[in-house]
Amino acid sequence: MDQKLEGLATKLGLKFKNPELLERVFIHRSYLNENKNRQLEHNERLEFLGDAVLELAVTEYLYLHYKHPEGVLTNWRSAIVRGKSLSDEAKKLELDILLMTSRGEAKNTGKAKDLLLANCFEALIGAIYIDQGYKTAFDFVEKYVIYKLDDVISGGQHIDPKGRFQELAQEKWSITPSYTVISEAGPDHNKQFKVGLYLNDKLISEGEGSSKQTAQVEAAKAALDIWETIVL
């Protein structure tokens, strides 16, 4: 096994029975497009499996430790398994150093890079599950994902700002907010969007982000911050 892969396994406290599984975690489809002579398999099937194991592990943990309604638990789960959260953990484990992609993919930054790393993180969970079993995979998820739960709850990261603002606006004015892209800038792989939140035709707030959805959420957060001062 490659020394860097051995180093990762040691850091995780794991000894893989099948080292090829760990190697596959870091092989992106684009890498094979540029190395067609190598008889390797990319990580998408492991990612598919890891995504399911991740969701099951988090769901099991929430079910066993909390008596809250389904909707609350679903929001908590969504907050800690979202792509940015997983990519942040991948960076902490330095998975980005091991990831093998095409030269073009290697230039990605921002949201595109985060997606690659989140997928790699899920593939790692899939590999651990196959090689070590569910208990070890669960322990990994608990250590590197579920530990964020207290911060998510205390920081309100599980609350959907768009949904909350819509509830308030409909209750007070019977108006459903709308969102419009005001501007966008940057190359295709790293765009930045500015979105406006409107009640009828009145601009209430603006938000920016690397996707329209993210910018909408930021605009909703800004609107909630000034909720008491909004006059139509």
C-alpha atoms as a PDB file:
ATOM      1  CA  MET A   1       0.000   0.000   0.000  1.00  0.00           C
ATOM      2  CA  ASP A   2       1.138   3.551  -0.743  1.00  0.00           C
ATOM      3  CA  GLN A   3       2.828   5.182   2.257  1.00  0.00           C
ATOM      4  CA  LYS A   4       0.345   8.056   2.328  1.00  0.00           C
ATOM      5  CA  LEU A   5      -2.550   5.602   2.384  1.00  0.00           C
ATOM      6  CA  GLU A   6      -0.833   3.675   5.164  1.00  0.00           C
ATOM      7  CA  GLY A   7      -0.442   6.932   7.043  1.00  0.00           C
ATOM      8  CA  LEU A   8      -4.166   7.651   6.710  1.00  0.00           C
ATOM      9  CA  ALA A   9      -5.107   4.156   7.873  1.00  0.00           C
ATOM     10  CA  THR A  10      -2.809   4.554  10.878  1.00  0.00           C
ATOM     11  CA  LYS A  11      -4.330   7.956  11.680  1.00  0.00           C
ATOM     12  CA  LEU A  12      -7.793   6.379  11.607  1.00  0.00           C
ATOM     13  CA  GLY A  13      -6.618   3.434  13.713  1.00  0.00           C
ATOM     14  CA  LEU A  14      -7.538   0.948  10.973  1.00  0.00           C
ATOM     15  CA  LYS A  15      -5.748  -1.912   9.255  1.00  0.00           C
ATOM     16  CA  PHE A  16      -7.454  -2.692   5.956  1.00  0.00           C
ATOM     17  CA  LYS A  17      -7.784  -6.352   5.063  1.00  0.00           C
ATOM     18  CA  ASN A  18      -8.152  -5.280   1.416  1.00  0.00           C
ATOM     19  CA  PRO A  19      -5.820  -2.297   0.749  1.00  0.00           C
ATOM     20  CA  GLU A  20      -7.225  -1.957  -2.781  1.00  0.00           C
ATOM     21  CA  LEU A  21     -10.507  -0.754  -1.278  1.00  0.00           C
ATOM     22  CA  LEU A  22      -8.753   2.144   0.419  1.00  0.00           C
ATOM     23  CA  GLU A  23      -6.911   2.984  -2.801  1.00  0.00           C
ATOM     24  CA  ARG A  24     -10.214   3.023  -4.722  1.00  0.00           C
ATOM     25  CA  VAL A  25     -11.616   5.650  -2.345  1.00  0.00           C
ATOM     26  CA  PHE A  26      -9.319   8.227  -3.913  1.00  0.00           C
ATOM     27  CA  ILE A  27      -9.734   7.384  -7.603  1.00  0.00           C
ATOM     28  CA  HIS A  28     -12.055   9.846  -9.306  1.00  0.00           C
ATOM     29  CA  ARG A  29     -13.667   8.932 -12.607  1.00  0.00           C
ATOM     30  CA  SER A  30     -11.808  11.765 -14.361  1.00  0.00           C
ATOM     31  CA  TYR A  31      -8.447  10.273 -13.365  1.00  0.00           C
ATOM     32  CA  LEU A  32      -9.252   7.075 -15.265  1.00  0.00           C
ATOM     33  CA  ASN A  33     -10.197   9.096 -18.335  1.00  0.00           C
ATOM     34  CA  GLU A  34      -6.586  10.280 -18.484  1.00  0.00           C
ATOM     35  CA  ASN A  35      -5.099   6.921 -17.412  1.00  0.00           C
ATOM     36  CA  LYS A  36      -7.074   4.403 -19.446  1.00  0.00           C
ATOM     37  CA  ASN A  37      -4.211   1.919 -19.446  1.00  0.00           C
ATOM     38  CA  ARG A  38      -4.529   1.400 -15.684  1.00  0.00           C
ATOM     39  CA  GLN A  39      -6.921  -1.352 -14.615  1.00  0.00           C
ATOM     40  CA  LEU A  40      -8.555   0.531 -11.766  1.00  0.00           C
ATOM     41  CA  GLU A  41     -12.094   1.170 -10.550  1.00  0.00           C
ATOM     42  CA  HIS A  42     -13.252   4.672  -9.618  1.00  0.00           C
ATOM     43  CA  ASN A  43     -14.872   5.509  -6.287  1.00  0.00           C
ATOM     44  CA  GLU A  44     -18.488   6.163  -7.310  1.00  0.00           C
ATOM     45  CA  ARG A  45     -19.868   2.791  -6.177  1.00  0.00           C
ATOM     46  CA  LEU A  46     -18.139   3.153  -2.815  1.00  0.00           C
ATOM     47  CA  GLU A  47     -19.565   6.659  -2.535  1.00  0.00           C
ATOM     48  CA  PHE A  48     -23.060   5.308  -3.261  1.00  0.00           C
ATOM     49  CA  LEU A  49     -22.687   2.745  -0.487  1.00  0.00           C
ATOM     50  CA  GLY A  50     -21.050   5.159   1.935  1.00  0.00           C
ATOM     51  CA  ASP A  51     -23.855   7.674   1.535  1.00  0.00           C
ATOM     52  CA  ALA A  52     -26.370   5.023   2.649  1.00  0.00           C
ATOM     53  CA  VAL A  53     -24.198   3.861   5.578  1.00  0.00           C
ATOM     54  CA  LEU A  54     -23.693   7.464   6.696  1.00  0.00           C
ATOM     55  CA  GLU A  55     -27.421   8.165   6.691  1.00  0.00           C
ATOM     56  CA  LEU A  56     -28.187   4.941   8.561  1.00  0.00           C
ATOM     57  CA  ALA A  57     -25.509   5.568  11.199  1.00  0.00           C
ATOM     58  CA  VAL A  58     -26.655   9.136  11.881  1.00  0.00           C
ATOM     59  CA  THR A  59     -30.317   8.081  11.890  1.00  0.00           C
ATOM     60  CA  GLU A  60     -29.600   5.256  14.324  1.00  0.00           C
ATOM     61  CA  TYR A  61     -27.680   7.567  16.648  1.00  0.00           C
ATOM     62  CA  LEU A  62     -30.446  10.186  16.666  1.00  0.00           C
ATOM     63  CA  TYR A  63     -33.122   7.557  17.243  1.00  0.00           C
ATOM     64  CA  LEU A  64     -31.287   6.035  20.191  1.00  0.00           C
ATOM     65  CA  HIS A  65     -30.288   9.299  21.872  1.00  0.00           C
ATOM     66  CA  TYR A  66     -33.200  11.700  21.279  1.00  0.00           C
ATOM     67  CA  LYS A  67     -36.982  11.532  21.726  1.00  0.00           C
ATOM     68  CA  HIS A  68     -37.729  14.477  19.431  1.00  0.00           C
ATOM     69  CA  PRO A  69     -40.308  14.302  16.589  1.00  0.00           C
ATOM     70  CA  GLU A  70     -39.267  12.951  13.198  1.00  0.00           C
ATOM     71  CA  GLY A  71     -39.173  16.390  11.576  1.00  0.00           C
ATOM     72  CA  VAL A  72     -36.682  17.728  14.123  1.00  0.00           C
ATOM     73  CA  LEU A  73     -34.433  14.680  13.820  1.00  0.00           C
ATOM     74  CA  THR A  74     -34.555  14.932  10.021  1.00  0.00           C
ATOM     75  CA  ASN A  75     -33.426  18.565  10.151  1.00  0.00           C
ATOM     76  CA  TRP A  76     -30.576  17.690  12.518  1.00  0.00           C
ATOM     77  CA  ARG A  77     -29.463  14.842  10.288  1.00  0.00           C
ATOM     78  CA  SER A  78     -29.557  17.023   7.173  1.00  0.00           C
ATOM     79  CA  ALA A  79     -27.457  19.685   8.867  1.00  0.00           C
ATOM     80  CA  ILE A  80     -24.600  17.358   9.815  1.00  0.00           C
ATOM     81  CA  VAL A  81     -24.462  15.273   6.622  1.00  0.00           C
ATOM     82  CA  ARG A  82     -24.635  18.170   4.158  1.00  0.00           C
ATOM     83  CA  GLY A  83     -21.845  18.333   1.599  1.00  0.00           C
ATOM     84  CA  LYS A  84     -19.946  21.282   3.078  1.00  0.00           C
ATOM     85  CA  SER A  85     -19.806  19.599   6.476  1.00  0.00           C
ATOM     86  CA  LEU A  86     -18.376  16.423   4.928  1.00  0.00           C
ATOM     87  CA  SER A  87     -15.863  18.285   2.777  1.00  0.00           C
ATOM     88  CA  ASP A  88     -14.635  20.159   5.860  1.00  0.00           C
ATOM     89  CA  GLU A  89     -13.941  16.831   7.570  1.00  0.00           C
ATOM     90  CA  ALA A  90     -12.230  15.534   4.430  1.00  0.00           C
ATOM     91  CA  LYS A  91      -9.888  18.518   4.530  1.00  0.00           C
ATOM     92  CA  LYS A  92      -9.106  17.944   8.219  1.00  0.00           C
ATOM     93  CA  LEU A  93      -8.149  14.357   7.386  1.00  0.00           C
ATOM     94  CA  GLU A  94      -6.151  15.667   4.382  1.00  0.00           C
ATOM     95  CA  LEU A  95      -8.057  13.478   1.944  1.00  0.00           C
ATOM     96  CA  ASP A  96      -7.546  16.185  -0.687  1.00  0.00           C
ATOM     97  CA  ILE A  97      -3.838  15.314  -0.787  1.00  0.00           C
ATOM     98  CA  LEU A  98      -4.645  11.701  -1.691  1.00  0.00           C
ATOM     99  CA  LEU A  99      -7.457  12.315  -4.195  1.00  0.00           C
ATOM    100  CA  MET A 100      -6.522  11.391  -7.777  1.00  0.00           C
ATOM    101  CA  THR A 101      -8.344  13.378 -10.461  1.00  0.00           C
ATOM    102  CA  SER A 102      -7.757  14.630 -13.973  1.00  0.00           C
ATOM    103  CA  ARG A 103      -5.616  17.731 -14.428  1.00  0.00           C
ATOM    104  CA  GLY A 104      -8.777  19.714 -15.134  1.00  0.00           C
ATOM    105  CA  GLU A 105     -10.602  18.528 -12.019  1.00  0.00           C
ATOM    106  CA  ALA A 106      -7.508  19.228  -9.936  1.00  0.00           C
ATOM    107  CA  LYS A 107      -7.907  22.939 -10.722  1.00  0.00           C
ATOM    108  CA  ASN A 108     -11.385  23.061  -9.207  1.00  0.00           C
ATOM    109  CA  THR A 109     -11.952  25.253  -6.185  1.00  0.00           C
ATOM    110  CA  GLY A 110     -14.922  26.356  -4.122  1.00  0.00           C
ATOM    111  CA  LYS A 111     -18.153  24.404  -4.415  1.00  0.00           C
ATOM    112  CA  ALA A 112     -16.817  22.037  -7.103  1.00  0.00           C
ATOM    113  CA  LYS A 113     -13.845  21.078  -4.925  1.00  0.00           C
ATOM    114  CA  ASP A 114     -16.087  20.643  -1.884  1.00  0.00           C
ATOM    115  CA  LEU A 115     -18.298  18.250  -3.832  1.00  0.00           C
ATOM    116  CA  LEU A 116     -15.313  16.094  -4.833  1.00  0.00           C
ATOM    117  CA  LEU A 117     -14.136  15.910  -1.226  1.00  0.00           C
ATOM    118  CA  ALA A 118     -17.589  15.185   0.201  1.00  0.00           C
ATOM    119  CA  ASN A 119     -17.963  12.321  -2.276  1.00  0.00           C
ATOM    120  CA  CYS A 120     -14.511  11.029  -1.335  1.00  0.00           C
ATOM    121  CA  PHE A 121     -15.442  11.147   2.346  1.00  0.00           C
ATOM    122  CA  GLU A 122     -18.568   9.076   1.653  1.00  0.00           C
ATOM    123  CA  ALA A 123     -16.500   6.619  -0.392  1.00  0.00           C
ATOM    124  CA  LEU A 124     -14.182   6.222   2.608  1.00  0.00           C
ATOM    125  CA  ILE A 125     -17.179   5.335   4.785  1.00  0.00           C
ATOM    126  CA  GLY A 126     -18.220   2.777   2.171  1.00  0.00           C
ATOM    127  CA  ALA A 127     -14.755   1.219   2.131  1.00  0.00           C
ATOM    128  CA  ILE A 128     -14.618   1.028   5.926  1.00  0.00           C
ATOM    129  CA  TYR A 129     -18.033  -0.626   5.966  1.00  0.00           C
ATOM    130  CA  ILE A 130     -17.050  -3.319   3.453  1.00  0.00           C
ATOM    131  CA  ASP A 131     -13.633  -4.002   4.954  1.00  0.00           C
ATOM    132  CA  GLN A 132     -14.299  -3.554   8.670  1.00  0.00           C
ATOM    133  CA  GLY A 133     -18.062  -3.936   9.122  1.00  0.00           C
ATOM    134  CA  TYR A 134     -20.893  -1.689  10.268  1.00  0.00           C
ATOM    135  CA  LYS A 135     -19.701  -1.186  13.866  1.00  0.00           C
ATOM    136  CA  THR A 136     -16.377   0.271  12.729  1.00  0.00           C
ATOM    137  CA  ALA A 137     -18.117   2.406  10.095  1.00  0.00           C
ATOM    138  CA  PHE A 138     -20.550   3.649  12.755  1.00  0.00           C
ATOM    139  CA  ASP A 139     -17.677   4.528  15.093  1.00  0.00           C
ATOM    140  CA  PHE A 140     -16.014   6.473  12.271  1.00  0.00           C
ATOM    141  CA  VAL A 141     -19.223   8.421  11.558  1.00  0.00           C
ATOM    142  CA  GLU A 142     -19.703   9.130  15.251  1.00  0.00           C
ATOM    143  CA  LYS A 143     -16.144  10.460  15.580  1.00  0.00           C
ATOM    144  CA  TYR A 144     -15.962  12.526  12.395  1.00  0.00           C
ATOM    145  CA  VAL A 145     -19.582  13.551  11.717  1.00  0.00           C
ATOM    146  CA  ILE A 146     -21.935  13.161  14.679  1.00  0.00           C
ATOM    147  CA  TYR A 147     -19.598  15.044  17.026  1.00  0.00           C
ATOM    148  CA  LYS A 148     -20.833  18.269  15.371  1.00  0.00           C
ATOM    149  CA  LEU A 149     -24.398  17.757  16.517  1.00  0.00           C
ATOM    150  CA  ASP A 150     -24.255  19.885  19.681  1.00  0.00           C
ATOM    151  CA  ASP A 151     -22.819  22.837  17.751  1.00  0.00           C
ATOM    152  CA  VAL A 152     -25.431  22.408  15.009  1.00  0.00           C
ATOM    153  CA  ILE A 153     -28.262  22.488  17.538  1.00  0.00           C
ATOM    154  CA  SER A 154     -26.909  25.325  19.684  1.00  0.00           C
ATOM    155  CA  GLY A 155     -26.018  27.389  16.623  1.00  0.00           C
ATOM    156  CA  GLY A 156     -29.389  26.876  14.954  1.00  0.00           C
ATOM    157  CA  GLN A 157     -27.746  25.482  11.829  1.00  0.00           C
ATOM    158  CA  HIS A 158     -30.609  22.995  11.449  1.00  0.00           C
ATOM    159  CA  ILE A 159     -33.210  25.729  11.046  1.00  0.00           C
ATOM    160  CA  ASP A 160     -34.202  26.460   7.450  1.00  0.00           C
ATOM    161  CA  PRO A 161     -34.044  30.282   7.141  1.00  0.00           C
ATOM    162  CA  LYS A 162     -36.108  30.309   3.929  1.00  0.00           C
ATOM    163  CA  GLY A 163     -38.888  28.261   5.476  1.00  0.00           C
ATOM    164  CA  ARG A 164     -38.904  30.343   8.655  1.00  0.00           C
ATOM    165  CA  PHE A 165     -39.062  33.667   6.818  1.00  0.00           C
ATOM    166  CA  GLN A 166     -41.838  32.377   4.564  1.00  0.00           C
ATOM    167  CA  GLU A 167     -43.876  31.350   7.630  1.00  0.00           C
ATOM    168  CA  LEU A 168     -43.489  34.808   9.153  1.00  0.00           C
ATOM    169  CA  ALA A 169     -44.291  36.666   5.917  1.00  0.00           C
ATOM    170  CA  GLN A 170     -47.378  34.590   5.201  1.00  0.00           C
ATOM    171  CA  GLU A 171     -48.596  34.950   8.777  1.00  0.00           C
ATOM    172  CA  LYS A 172     -48.163  38.743   8.846  1.00  0.00           C
ATOM    173  CA  TRP A 173     -48.930  39.776   5.262  1.00  0.00           C
ATOM    174  CA  SER A 174     -50.207  36.627   3.488  1.00  0.00           C
ATOM    175  CA  ILE A 175     -47.312  37.041   1.042  1.00  0.00           C
ATOM    176  CA  THR A 176     -44.958  34.326  -0.209  1.00  0.00           C
ATOM    177  CA  PRO A 177     -41.391  35.642  -0.613  1.00  0.00           C
ATOM    178  CA  SER A 178     -39.720  35.422  -4.001  1.00  0.00           C
ATOM    179  CA  TYR A 179     -36.042  35.293  -4.914  1.00  0.00           C
ATOM    180  CA  THR A 180     -34.356  36.830  -7.956  1.00  0.00           C
ATOM    181  CA  VAL A 181     -30.736  36.654  -9.103  1.00  0.00           C
ATOM    182  CA  ILE A 182     -29.378  40.204  -9.090  1.00  0.00           C
ATOM    183  CA  SER A 183     -25.939  39.371 -10.452  1.00  0.00           C
ATOM    184  CA  GLU A 184     -23.447  36.568 -10.984  1.00  0.00           C
ATOM    185  CA  ALA A 185     -19.694  36.682 -11.438  1.00  0.00           C
ATOM    186  CA  GLY A 186     -16.715  34.408 -11.847  1.00  0.00           C
ATOM    187  CA  PRO A 187     -15.859  31.381 -14.021  1.00  0.00           C
ATOM    188  CA  ASP A 188     -18.318  28.500 -14.426  1.00  0.00           C
ATOM    189  CA  HIS A 189     -16.532  26.299 -11.888  1.00  0.00           C
ATOM    190  CA  ASN A 190     -16.451  29.026  -9.220  1.00  0.00           C
ATOM    191  CA  LYS A 191     -19.399  31.354  -9.725  1.00  0.00           C
ATOM    192  CA  GLN A 192     -20.684  33.776  -7.107  1.00  0.00           C
ATOM    193  CA  PHE A 193     -24.358  34.711  -7.115  1.00  0.00           C
ATOM    194  CA  LYS A 194     -26.103  37.697  -5.549  1.00  0.00           C
ATOM    195  CA  VAL A 195     -29.799  37.079  -4.903  1.00  0.00           C
ATOM    196  CA  GLY A 196     -32.507  39.443  -3.729  1.00  0.00           C
ATOM    197  CA  LEU A 197     -35.416  38.468  -1.491  1.00  0.00           C
ATOM    198  CA  TYR A 198     -38.640  40.253  -2.406  1.00  0.00           C
ATOM    199  CA  LEU A 199     -42.055  40.670  -0.828  1.00  0.00           C
ATOM    200  CA  ASN A 200     -44.297  41.625  -3.730  1.00  0.00           C
ATOM    201  CA  ASP A 201     -42.000  44.000  -5.638  1.00  0.00           C
ATOM    202  CA  LYS A 202     -40.111  45.317  -2.607  1.00  0.00           C
ATOM    203  CA  LEU A 203     -36.490  44.252  -2.133  1.00  0.00           C
ATOM    204  CA  ILE A 204     -36.117  43.182   1.492  1.00  0.00           C
ATOM    205  CA  SER A 205     -32.585  41.804   1.621  1.00  0.00           C
ATOM    206  CA  GLU A 206     -29.713  40.394  -0.408  1.00  0.00           C
ATOM    207  CA  GLY A 207     -27.487  37.348  -0.066  1.00  0.00           C
ATOM    208  CA  GLU A 208     -24.389  36.005  -1.798  1.00  0.00           C
ATOM    209  CA  GLY A 209     -23.112  32.483  -2.305  1.00  0.00           C
ATOM    210  CA  SER A 210     -21.455  29.978  -4.619  1.00  0.00           C
ATOM    211  CA  SER A 211     -24.873  28.699  -5.737  1.00  0.00           C
ATOM    212  CA  LYS A 212     -28.287  30.281  -6.174  1.00  0.00           C
ATOM    213  CA  GLN A 213     -29.630  28.156  -3.331  1.00  0.00           C
ATOM    214  CA  THR A 214     -26.869  29.259  -0.957  1.00  0.00           C
ATOM    215  CA  ALA A 215     -27.417  32.890  -1.900  1.00  0.00           C
ATOM    216  CA  GLN A 216     -31.159  32.521  -1.273  1.00  0.00           C
ATOM    217  CA  VAL A 217     -30.484  31.093   2.188  1.00  0.00           C
ATOM    218  CA  GLU A 218     -28.138  33.992   2.971  1.00  0.00           C
ATOM    219  CA  ALA A 219     -30.775  36.480   1.815  1.00  0.00           C
ATOM    220  CA  ALA A 220     -33.345  34.804   4.072  1.00  0.00           C
ATOM    221  CA  LYS A 221     -30.938  34.969   7.017  1.00  0.00           C
ATOM    222  CA  ALA A 222     -30.421  38.683   6.367  1.00  0.00           C
ATOM    223  CA  ALA A 223     -34.184  39.221   6.208  1.00  0.00           C
ATOM    224  CA  LEU A 224     -34.693  37.430   9.527  1.00  0.00           C
ATOM    225  CA  ASP A 225     -32.049  39.675  11.090  1.00  0.00           C
ATOM    226  CA  ILE A 226     -34.070  42.774  10.160  1.00  0.00           C
ATOM    227  CA  TRP A 227     -37.512  41.206  10.580  1.00  0.00           C
ATOM    228  CA  GLU A 228     -38.696  43.685  13.226  1.00  0.00           C
ATOM    229  CA  THR A 229     -37.887  46.660  10.981  1.00  0.00           C
ATOM    230  CA  ILE A 230     -39.569  45.484   7.762  1.00  0.00           C
ATOM    231  CA  VAL A 231     -42.394  47.740   6.613  1.00  0.00           C
ATOM    232  CA  LEU A 232     -44.401  47.144   3.422  1.00  0.00           C
END
